[in-house]
């Protein structure tokens, strides 16, 4: 279940980063990588 959620968040995050402004995308990228690391490391 967690890998599926991670994959969905990854796809949505990559899709959103292309459409956002520079400031918002940089913030979203940092938040995305933080969430990504917290999700993958325990596994």
PDB file of N, CA and C in Angstrom:
ATOM      1  N   UNK A   1       0.846  -1.205   0.000  1.00  0.00           N
ATOM      2  CA  UNK A   1       0.000   0.000   0.000  1.00  0.00           C
ATOM      3  C   UNK A   1       0.875   1.247   0.000  1.00  0.00           C
ATOM      4  N   UNK A   2       1.897   1.288   0.857  1.00  0.00           N
ATOM      5  CA  UNK A   2       2.764   2.472   0.912  1.00  0.00           C
ATOM      6  C   UNK A   2       3.486   2.725  -0.415  1.00  0.00           C
ATOM      7  N   UNK A   3       4.039   1.688  -1.073  1.00  0.00           N
ATOM      8  CA  UNK A   3       4.692   1.945  -2.367  1.00  0.00           C
ATOM      9  C   UNK A   3       3.738   2.536  -3.397  1.00  0.00           C
ATOM     10  N   UNK A   4       2.465   2.108  -3.371  1.00  0.00           N
ATOM     11  CA  UNK A   4       1.483   2.646  -4.318  1.00  0.00           C
ATOM     12  C   UNK A   4       1.245   4.123  -4.047  1.00  0.00           C
ATOM     13  N   UNK A   5       1.084   4.488  -2.780  1.00  0.00           N
ATOM     14  CA  UNK A   5       0.879   5.890  -2.413  1.00  0.00           C
ATOM     15  C   UNK A   5       2.097   6.712  -2.796  1.00  0.00           C
ATOM     16  N   UNK A   6       3.275   6.154  -2.561  1.00  0.00           N
ATOM     17  CA  UNK A   6       4.504   6.864  -2.916  1.00  0.00           C
ATOM     18  C   UNK A   6       4.583   7.102  -4.410  1.00  0.00           C
ATOM     19  N   UNK A   7       4.203   6.093  -5.184  1.00  0.00           N
ATOM     20  CA  UNK A   7       4.240   6.220  -6.646  1.00  0.00           C
ATOM     21  C   UNK A   7       3.265   7.290  -7.115  1.00  0.00           C
ATOM     22  N   UNK A   8       2.061   7.308  -6.528  1.00  0.00           N
ATOM     23  CA  UNK A   8       1.060   8.310  -6.901  1.00  0.00           C
ATOM     24  C   UNK A   8       1.541   9.714  -6.558  1.00  0.00           C
ATOM     25  N   UNK A   9       2.117   9.855  -5.355  1.00  0.00           N
ATOM     26  CA  UNK A   9       2.631  11.168  -4.943  1.00  0.00           C
ATOM     27  C   UNK A   9       3.781  11.598  -5.846  1.00  0.00           C
ATOM     28  N   UNK A  10       4.621  10.647  -6.226  1.00  0.00           N
ATOM     29  CA  UNK A  10       5.750  10.942  -7.102  1.00  0.00           C
ATOM     30  C   UNK A  10       5.269  11.455  -8.457  1.00  0.00           C
ATOM     31  N   UNK A  11       4.297  10.765  -9.044  1.00  0.00           N
ATOM     32  CA  UNK A  11       3.787  11.157 -10.352  1.00  0.00           C
ATOM     33  C   UNK A  11       3.098  12.521 -10.272  1.00  0.00           C
ATOM     34  N   UNK A  12       2.292  12.717  -9.223  1.00  0.00           N
ATOM     35  CA  UNK A  12       1.593  13.992  -9.062  1.00  0.00           C
ATOM     36  C   UNK A  12       2.585  15.119  -8.810  1.00  0.00           C
ATOM     37  N   UNK A  13       3.614  14.828  -8.013  1.00  0.00           N
ATOM     38  CA  UNK A  13       4.623  15.845  -7.715  1.00  0.00           C
ATOM     39  C   UNK A  13       5.383  16.258  -8.958  1.00  0.00           C
ATOM     40  N   UNK A  14       5.795  15.286  -9.769  1.00  0.00           N
ATOM     41  CA  UNK A  14       6.532  15.598 -10.996  1.00  0.00           C
ATOM     42  C   UNK A  14       5.648  16.379 -11.965  1.00  0.00           C
ATOM     43  N   UNK A  15       4.358  16.029 -12.029  1.00  0.00           N
ATOM     44  CA  UNK A  15       3.448  16.721 -12.929  1.00  0.00           C
ATOM     45  C   UNK A  15       3.228  18.165 -12.472  1.00  0.00           C
ATOM     46  N   UNK A  16       3.136  18.371 -11.145  1.00  0.00           N
ATOM     47  CA  UNK A  16       2.887  19.712 -10.615  1.00  0.00           C
ATOM     48  C   UNK A  16       4.113  20.609 -10.720  1.00  0.00           C
ATOM     49  N   UNK A  17       5.312  20.029 -10.589  1.00  0.00           N
ATOM     50  CA  UNK A  17       6.526  20.837 -10.627  1.00  0.00           C
ATOM     51  C   UNK A  17       6.703  21.507 -11.983  1.00  0.00           C
ATOM     52  N   UNK A  18       6.216  20.875 -13.038  1.00  0.00           N
ATOM     53  CA  UNK A  18       6.363  21.444 -14.377  1.00  0.00           C
ATOM     54  C   UNK A  18       5.462  22.665 -14.566  1.00  0.00           C
ATOM     55  N   UNK A  19       4.348  22.707 -13.827  1.00  0.00           N
ATOM     56  CA  UNK A  19       3.346  23.752 -14.044  1.00  0.00           C
ATOM     57  C   UNK A  19       3.430  24.908 -13.051  1.00  0.00           C
ATOM     58  N   UNK A  20       4.257  24.754 -12.015  1.00  0.00           N
ATOM     59  CA  UNK A  20       4.296  25.778 -10.974  1.00  0.00           C
ATOM     60  C   UNK A  20       5.298  26.885 -11.279  1.00  0.00           C
ATOM     61  N   UNK A  21       5.164  27.975 -10.539  1.00  0.00           N
ATOM     62  CA  UNK A  21       6.161  29.047 -10.620  1.00  0.00           C
ATOM     63  C   UNK A  21       7.460  28.587  -9.982  1.00  0.00           C
ATOM     64  N   UNK A  22       8.516  29.371 -10.137  1.00  0.00           N
ATOM     65  CA  UNK A  22       9.827  28.975  -9.617  1.00  0.00           C
ATOM     66  C   UNK A  22       9.834  28.889  -8.086  1.00  0.00           C
ATOM     67  N   UNK A  23       9.273  29.887  -7.420  1.00  0.00           N
ATOM     68  CA  UNK A  23       9.251  29.877  -5.954  1.00  0.00           C
ATOM     69  C   UNK A  23       8.449  28.688  -5.434  1.00  0.00           C
ATOM     70  N   UNK A  24       7.260  28.526  -5.970  1.00  0.00           N
ATOM     71  CA  UNK A  24       6.377  27.463  -5.485  1.00  0.00           C
ATOM     72  C   UNK A  24       6.964  26.099  -5.814  1.00  0.00           C
ATOM     73  N   UNK A  25       7.572  25.969  -6.999  1.00  0.00           N
ATOM     74  CA  UNK A  25       8.128  24.676  -7.389  1.00  0.00           C
ATOM     75  C   UNK A  25       9.322  24.304  -6.511  1.00  0.00           C
ATOM     76  N   UNK A  26      10.131  25.287  -6.145  1.00  0.00           N
ATOM     77  CA  UNK A  26      11.280  25.003  -5.286  1.00  0.00           C
ATOM     78  C   UNK A  26      10.805  24.533  -3.914  1.00  0.00           C
ATOM     79  N   UNK A  27       9.775  25.200  -3.376  1.00  0.00           N
ATOM     80  CA  UNK A  27       9.222  24.786  -2.091  1.00  0.00           C
ATOM     81  C   UNK A  27       8.596  23.398  -2.196  1.00  0.00           C
ATOM     82  N   UNK A  28       7.845  23.175  -3.271  1.00  0.00           N
ATOM     83  CA  UNK A  28       7.198  21.876  -3.463  1.00  0.00           C
ATOM     84  C   UNK A  28       8.239  20.780  -3.646  1.00  0.00           C
ATOM     85  N   UNK A  29       9.347  21.122  -4.319  1.00  0.00           N
ATOM     86  CA  UNK A  29      10.394  20.121  -4.541  1.00  0.00           C
ATOM     87  C   UNK A  29      11.028  19.713  -3.211  1.00  0.00           C
ATOM     88  N   UNK A  30      11.304  20.691  -2.345  1.00  0.00           N
ATOM     89  CA  UNK A  30      11.892  20.388  -1.033  1.00  0.00           C
ATOM     90  C   UNK A  30      10.936  19.544  -0.197  1.00  0.00           C
ATOM     91  N   UNK A  31       9.659  19.928  -0.192  1.00  0.00           N
ATOM     92  CA  UNK A  31       8.667  19.178   0.568  1.00  0.00           C
ATOM     93  C   UNK A  31       8.512  17.771   0.003  1.00  0.00           C
ATOM     94  N   UNK A  32       8.566  17.670  -1.332  1.00  0.00           N
ATOM     95  CA  UNK A  32       8.412  16.378  -1.987  1.00  0.00           C
ATOM     96  C   UNK A  32       9.566  15.445  -1.642  1.00  0.00           C
ATOM     97  N   UNK A  33      10.780  15.970  -1.693  1.00  0.00           N
ATOM     98  CA  UNK A  33      11.932  15.126  -1.366  1.00  0.00           C
ATOM     99  C   UNK A  33      11.935  14.747   0.105  1.00  0.00           C
ATOM    100  N   UNK A  34      11.472  15.644   0.983  1.00  0.00           N
ATOM    101  CA  UNK A  34      11.382  15.327   2.408  1.00  0.00           C
ATOM    102  C   UNK A  34      10.397  14.183   2.630  1.00  0.00           C
ATOM    103  N   UNK A  35       9.223  14.303   2.015  1.00  0.00           N
ATOM    104  CA  UNK A  35       8.214  13.255   2.133  1.00  0.00           C
ATOM    105  C   UNK A  35       8.717  11.951   1.519  1.00  0.00           C
ATOM    106  N   UNK A  36       9.402  12.075   0.381  1.00  0.00           N
ATOM    107  CA  UNK A  36       9.927  10.893  -0.320  1.00  0.00           C
ATOM    108  C   UNK A  36      10.937  10.154   0.555  1.00  0.00           C
ATOM    109  N   UNK A  37      11.871  10.904   1.162  1.00  0.00           N
ATOM    110  CA  UNK A  37      12.899  10.276   1.991  1.00  0.00           C
ATOM    111  C   UNK A  37      12.269   9.639   3.236  1.00  0.00           C
ATOM    112  N   UNK A  38      11.293  10.312   3.839  1.00  0.00           N
ATOM    113  CA  UNK A  38      10.649   9.767   5.034  1.00  0.00           C
ATOM    114  C   UNK A  38       9.837   8.519   4.712  1.00  0.00           C
ATOM    115  N   UNK A  39       9.379   8.411   3.462  1.00  0.00           N
ATOM    116  CA  UNK A  39       8.574   7.252   3.079  1.00  0.00           C
ATOM    117  C   UNK A  39       9.449   6.070   2.693  1.00  0.00           C
ATOM    118  N   UNK A  40      10.562   6.330   2.016  1.00  0.00           N
ATOM    119  CA  UNK A  40      11.400   5.246   1.503  1.00  0.00           C
ATOM    120  C   UNK A  40      12.334   4.698   2.576  1.00  0.00           C
ATOM    121  N   UNK A  41      12.922   5.577   3.391  1.00  0.00           N
ATOM    122  CA  UNK A  41      13.925   5.143   4.369  1.00  0.00           C
ATOM    123  C   UNK A  41      13.399   4.068   5.336  1.00  0.00           C
ATOM    124  N   UNK A  42      12.190   4.219   5.906  1.00  0.00           N
ATOM    125  CA  UNK A  42      11.698   3.157   6.811  1.00  0.00           C
ATOM    126  C   UNK A  42      11.543   1.818   6.102  1.00  0.00           C
ATOM    127  N   UNK A  43      11.264   1.823   4.813  1.00  0.00           N
ATOM    128  CA  UNK A  43      11.097   0.563   4.083  1.00  0.00           C
ATOM    129  C   UNK A  43      12.455  -0.082   3.857  1.00  0.00           C
TER     130      UNK A  43
END
